Amino acid sequence: MPQVIAVGVGGFIGSCARFGITKLMSRYLPLFPFGTLLSNALAGLFIGLIFGIERQALQLPATAKLFLTTGLLGGLSTFCTFSMDTISFFENGNYLKAGANIVLNVGLSLAFVLIGLLVAKALFHSSAAV
């Protein structure tokens, strides 16, 4: 039961953060779903950092790891919103935006996971492989 609560609380916080990021970004940059992009990239960065730190030095307790990864970062990132935005762009004939959305979300998410892993490795000066 503590694991379910940890995931639920983390998911609540992550979802609220994503909502705030999306509202803020859509207010200032309304022509592209930058809020979803930023949320996905940040989640990628932080999950890479968490797993990288675990590889280098620190093993997180299972409940803390579930809170952070499945809960908080699962709530922060959003594959379904990214997918719906992309389909909407295609349906409206905005093929360039649809393609950019795919490339940016997938590319930046992967790049930010790698950056998180590399930052953790640099912080702990370990020779463990990325």
Protein backbone atom coordinates (compact mmCIF):
# COMPACT_ATOMS: atom_id res chain seq x y z
CA MET A 1 0.00 0.00 0.00
CA PRO A 2 2.80 2.53 0.67
CA GLN A 3 4.00 2.04 -2.91
CA VAL A 4 0.55 2.82 -4.33
CA ILE A 5 0.35 5.96 -2.21
CA ALA A 6 3.86 7.02 -3.29
CA VAL A 7 2.96 6.60 -6.97
CA GLY A 8 -0.37 8.39 -6.51
CA VAL A 9 1.13 11.38 -4.67
CA GLY A 10 3.99 11.60 -7.16
CA GLY A 11 1.55 11.38 -10.07
CA PHE A 12 -0.56 14.15 -8.57
CA ILE A 13 2.46 16.45 -8.21
CA GLY A 14 3.80 15.60 -11.68
CA SER A 15 0.41 16.09 -13.33
CA CYS A 16 -0.10 19.44 -11.61
CA ALA A 17 3.39 20.51 -12.71
CA ARG A 18 2.62 19.48 -16.30
CA PHE A 19 -0.67 21.39 -16.19
CA GLY A 20 1.12 24.53 -14.96
CA ILE A 21 3.90 24.23 -17.54
CA THR A 22 1.36 23.71 -20.34
CA LYS A 23 -0.76 26.69 -19.27
CA LEU A 24 2.28 28.95 -18.99
CA MET A 25 3.79 27.90 -22.32
CA SER A 26 0.48 28.11 -24.20
CA ARG A 27 -0.02 31.64 -22.91
CA TYR A 28 3.31 32.87 -24.28
CA LEU A 29 3.92 30.44 -27.18
CA PRO A 30 0.44 29.40 -28.38
CA LEU A 31 1.27 28.19 -31.90
CA PHE A 32 2.99 24.94 -30.89
CA PRO A 33 2.57 22.56 -27.93
CA PHE A 34 5.77 23.67 -26.21
CA GLY A 35 4.34 22.82 -22.78
CA THR A 36 4.09 19.14 -23.69
CA LEU A 37 7.54 19.26 -25.27
CA LEU A 38 9.08 20.88 -22.19
CA SER A 39 7.31 18.47 -19.82
CA ASN A 40 8.51 15.44 -21.79
CA ALA A 41 12.08 16.76 -22.07
CA LEU A 42 12.28 17.59 -18.35
CA ALA A 43 10.90 14.18 -17.42
CA GLY A 44 13.54 12.61 -19.67
CA LEU A 45 16.29 14.66 -18.06
CA PHE A 46 15.23 13.80 -14.53
CA ILE A 47 14.73 10.08 -15.18
CA GLY A 48 18.17 9.95 -16.79
CA LEU A 49 19.61 11.75 -13.78
CA ILE A 50 17.89 9.41 -11.31
CA PHE A 51 18.99 6.25 -13.08
CA GLY A 52 22.45 7.70 -13.67
CA ILE A 53 22.88 8.51 -9.99
CA GLU A 54 21.79 4.98 -9.14
CA ARG A 55 24.36 3.58 -11.56
CA GLN A 56 27.11 5.71 -10.05
CA ALA A 57 26.64 5.91 -6.34
CA LEU A 58 23.26 5.89 -4.67
CA GLN A 59 20.63 3.19 -4.59
CA LEU A 60 17.24 4.75 -3.88
CA PRO A 61 14.72 2.95 -1.69
CA ALA A 62 12.11 1.20 -3.86
CA THR A 63 9.23 3.42 -2.69
CA ALA A 64 11.22 6.61 -3.30
CA LYS A 65 12.14 5.42 -6.78
CA LEU A 66 8.49 4.64 -7.55
CA PHE A 67 7.44 8.06 -6.25
CA LEU A 68 9.99 9.81 -8.47
CA THR A 69 9.89 7.75 -11.65
CA THR A 70 6.46 6.13 -12.01
CA GLY A 71 4.63 8.82 -10.05
CA LEU A 72 6.23 12.25 -10.43
CA LEU A 73 7.88 11.79 -13.82
CA GLY A 74 5.06 9.62 -15.14
CA GLY A 75 2.66 12.44 -14.29
CA LEU A 76 4.99 15.07 -15.72
CA SER A 77 5.52 13.39 -19.08
CA THR A 78 2.66 12.78 -21.45
CA PHE A 79 2.73 10.49 -24.44
CA CYS A 80 -1.00 10.67 -25.06
CA THR A 81 -1.08 14.48 -25.29
CA PHE A 82 1.94 14.43 -27.61
CA SER A 83 0.14 11.84 -29.76
CA MET A 84 -3.13 13.80 -29.88
CA ASP A 85 -1.33 17.05 -30.73
CA THR A 86 0.47 15.28 -33.56
CA ILE A 87 -2.74 13.73 -34.95
CA SER A 88 -4.47 17.13 -34.75
CA PHE A 89 -1.67 18.74 -36.73
CA PHE A 90 -1.98 16.03 -39.41
CA GLU A 91 -5.77 16.35 -39.55
CA ASN A 92 -5.47 20.11 -40.03
CA GLY A 93 -2.88 19.76 -42.78
CA ASN A 94 -0.05 21.11 -40.61
CA TYR A 95 2.40 18.43 -41.71
CA LEU A 96 5.47 20.47 -40.87
CA LYS A 97 4.25 21.04 -37.30
CA ALA A 98 3.30 17.36 -36.99
CA GLY A 99 6.75 16.27 -38.13
CA ALA A 100 8.47 18.82 -35.90
CA ASN A 101 6.39 17.65 -32.95
CA ILE A 102 7.43 14.04 -33.51
CA VAL A 103 11.11 14.81 -34.04
CA LEU A 104 11.33 17.30 -31.16
CA ASN A 105 9.47 15.21 -28.58
CA VAL A 106 11.20 11.93 -29.34
CA GLY A 107 14.60 13.47 -30.06
CA LEU A 108 14.69 15.82 -27.08
CA SER A 109 13.31 13.20 -24.69
CA LEU A 110 16.02 10.74 -25.72
CA ALA A 111 18.71 13.43 -25.67
CA PHE A 112 17.67 14.65 -22.22
CA VAL A 113 17.72 11.11 -20.78
CA LEU A 114 21.27 10.79 -22.09
CA ILE A 115 22.20 14.21 -20.69
CA GLY A 116 20.82 13.17 -17.29
CA LEU A 117 22.90 10.00 -17.35
CA LEU A 118 26.01 11.94 -18.33
CA VAL A 119 25.45 14.59 -15.65
CA ALA A 120 25.12 11.90 -13.00
CA LYS A 121 28.28 10.22 -14.26
CA ALA A 122 30.18 13.52 -14.19
CA LEU A 123 28.91 14.33 -10.69
CA PHE A 124 30.11 11.05 -9.28
CA HIS A 125 33.27 10.67 -11.44
CA SER A 126 32.69 6.98 -12.01
CA SER A 127 34.00 4.89 -14.84
CA ALA A 128 30.73 2.98 -15.15
CA ALA A 129 29.37 2.85 -18.68
CA VAL A 130 26.50 5.07 -19.78
